[in-house]
Amino acid sequence: MSVAEVSAEEAAAWLQAGEAVMIDVREQDEYAAAHIEGVIQAPLSQMPAAWQALDLPADRKIIVQCLSGGRSHRVCAYVGPSGPDGQPIFNLAGGIKAWHAAGLPVVEG
C-alpha cells in the first residue's frame, strides 16, 4: 500500500497553522529523550489498541512520526490513507531525525 508522506518543513507549517496533529509511535524511552512539542504518544508496541484509543480531531490532517520514518510508515500502511473521520494520514518523511536536521525545535528530556 502506498503511504502519503510529508516533509518536516511542511509538517511544521501544518502544525503551526493548526491544520494537523502529530502521532509519535516511538517507545516511551525514546520519547522521553527527545520529542516534538505537542505530539500525541501512541507507541508501536501498543498498537492497534493505542491507535484505537486516540481521540483525533475530524478536521485535521494526521501526521505519524518515529525516529527515521520506518515504524511510522508501517503504522500508516496498517491504518490506511485516512483516519476514522476521513482525515488524511501522512508519514513524516525521515522522522524526528529529518525534523531535527531541518533545524526545527525538539523538546529534549
Protein backbone atom coordinates (compact mmCIF):
# COMPACT_ATOMS: atom_id res chain seq x y z
CA MET A 1 0.00 0.00 0.00
CA SER A 2 1.35 3.43 -0.85
CA VAL A 3 1.66 5.85 2.03
CA ALA A 4 1.43 9.63 1.69
CA GLU A 5 4.49 11.42 3.04
CA VAL A 6 5.08 14.95 4.26
CA SER A 7 8.39 16.77 4.71
CA ALA A 8 9.45 18.07 8.11
CA GLU A 9 9.11 21.67 6.92
CA GLU A 10 5.59 21.17 5.54
CA ALA A 11 4.53 19.23 8.65
CA ALA A 12 5.81 22.06 10.86
CA ALA A 13 3.80 24.59 8.84
CA TRP A 14 0.64 22.47 9.14
CA LEU A 15 1.11 22.10 12.91
CA GLN A 16 1.79 25.80 13.39
CA ALA A 17 -1.36 26.67 11.37
CA GLY A 18 -3.44 24.23 13.44
CA GLU A 19 -4.15 22.10 10.36
CA ALA A 20 -2.66 18.86 11.68
CA VAL A 21 -1.94 16.69 14.71
CA MET A 22 1.16 14.51 15.05
CA ILE A 23 1.28 11.00 16.49
CA ASP A 24 4.66 9.77 17.82
CA VAL A 25 4.82 5.96 17.59
CA ARG A 26 8.23 5.61 19.27
CA GLU A 27 8.55 3.95 22.66
CA GLN A 28 8.46 5.82 25.98
CA ASP A 29 12.25 5.92 26.49
CA GLU A 30 12.79 7.41 23.02
CA TYR A 31 10.00 9.95 23.58
CA ALA A 32 11.46 10.93 26.96
CA ALA A 33 14.90 11.53 25.41
CA ALA A 34 13.61 13.89 22.70
CA HIS A 35 10.26 14.65 21.11
CA ILE A 36 8.44 17.21 19.01
CA GLU A 37 6.35 19.57 21.14
CA GLY A 38 2.63 18.84 21.14
CA VAL A 39 2.78 15.32 19.72
CA ILE A 40 0.40 12.60 20.89
CA GLN A 41 2.18 9.45 22.00
CA ALA A 42 0.92 6.08 20.74
CA PRO A 43 3.80 3.54 20.95
CA LEU A 44 4.08 0.96 18.18
CA SER A 45 4.40 -1.79 20.83
CA GLN A 46 0.86 -0.93 21.98
CA MET A 47 -0.77 -0.97 18.53
CA PRO A 48 -3.51 -1.33 17.44
CA ALA A 49 -5.05 -0.55 20.87
CA ALA A 50 -3.04 2.69 21.21
CA TRP A 51 -4.33 3.90 17.82
CA GLN A 52 -7.93 2.97 18.60
CA ALA A 53 -7.72 4.88 21.90
CA LEU A 54 -6.76 8.14 20.17
CA ASP A 55 -9.35 10.91 20.03
CA LEU A 56 -8.36 12.51 16.73
CA PRO A 57 -9.92 15.80 15.56
CA ALA A 58 -12.08 15.24 12.48
CA ASP A 59 -10.94 18.46 10.81
CA ARG A 60 -7.15 18.00 10.88
CA LYS A 61 -4.55 16.07 8.92
CA ILE A 62 -2.85 13.27 10.86
CA ILE A 63 0.95 13.02 10.74
CA VAL A 64 2.59 9.84 12.05
CA GLN A 65 6.20 10.12 13.21
CA CYS A 66 9.00 7.92 14.56
CA LEU A 67 12.82 8.14 14.61
CA SER A 68 13.55 7.90 10.89
CA GLY A 69 10.24 7.07 9.19
CA GLY A 70 10.19 3.25 9.17
CA ARG A 71 7.89 2.43 12.06
CA SER A 72 5.57 5.33 11.26
CA HIS A 73 5.39 4.09 7.65
CA ARG A 74 4.27 0.67 8.94
CA VAL A 75 1.57 2.29 11.08
CA CYS A 76 0.36 4.38 8.12
CA ALA A 77 0.24 1.29 5.90
CA TYR A 78 -1.72 -0.60 8.57
CA VAL A 79 -4.20 2.20 9.30
CA GLY A 80 -4.71 3.16 5.66
CA PRO A 81 -4.86 6.52 3.86
CA SER A 82 -7.43 8.11 6.15
CA GLY A 83 -8.44 8.29 9.79
CA PRO A 84 -11.75 7.35 11.43
CA ASP A 85 -13.43 10.55 10.24
CA GLY A 86 -11.78 10.61 6.82
CA GLN A 87 -8.77 12.69 7.89
CA PRO A 88 -5.82 12.27 5.51
CA ILE A 89 -2.88 10.41 7.09
CA PHE A 90 0.74 11.25 6.32
CA ASN A 91 4.07 9.69 7.29
CA LEU A 92 6.70 12.21 8.42
CA ALA A 93 9.47 11.54 5.87
CA GLY A 94 12.73 10.91 7.74
CA GLY A 95 11.04 11.06 11.16
CA ILE A 96 12.34 13.15 14.04
CA LYS A 97 15.84 12.88 12.53
CA ALA A 98 14.68 14.88 9.48
CA TRP A 99 12.77 17.29 11.75
CA HIS A 100 15.95 17.93 13.77
CA ALA A 101 18.10 18.17 10.61
CA ALA A 102 15.72 20.84 9.28
CA GLY A 103 16.51 22.93 12.35
CA LEU A 104 13.03 22.54 13.80
CA PRO A 105 12.63 22.58 17.60
CA VAL A 106 12.82 19.38 19.65
CA VAL A 107 12.00 19.06 23.35
CA GLU A 108 14.92 17.22 24.95
CA GLY A 109 14.47 15.18 28.11
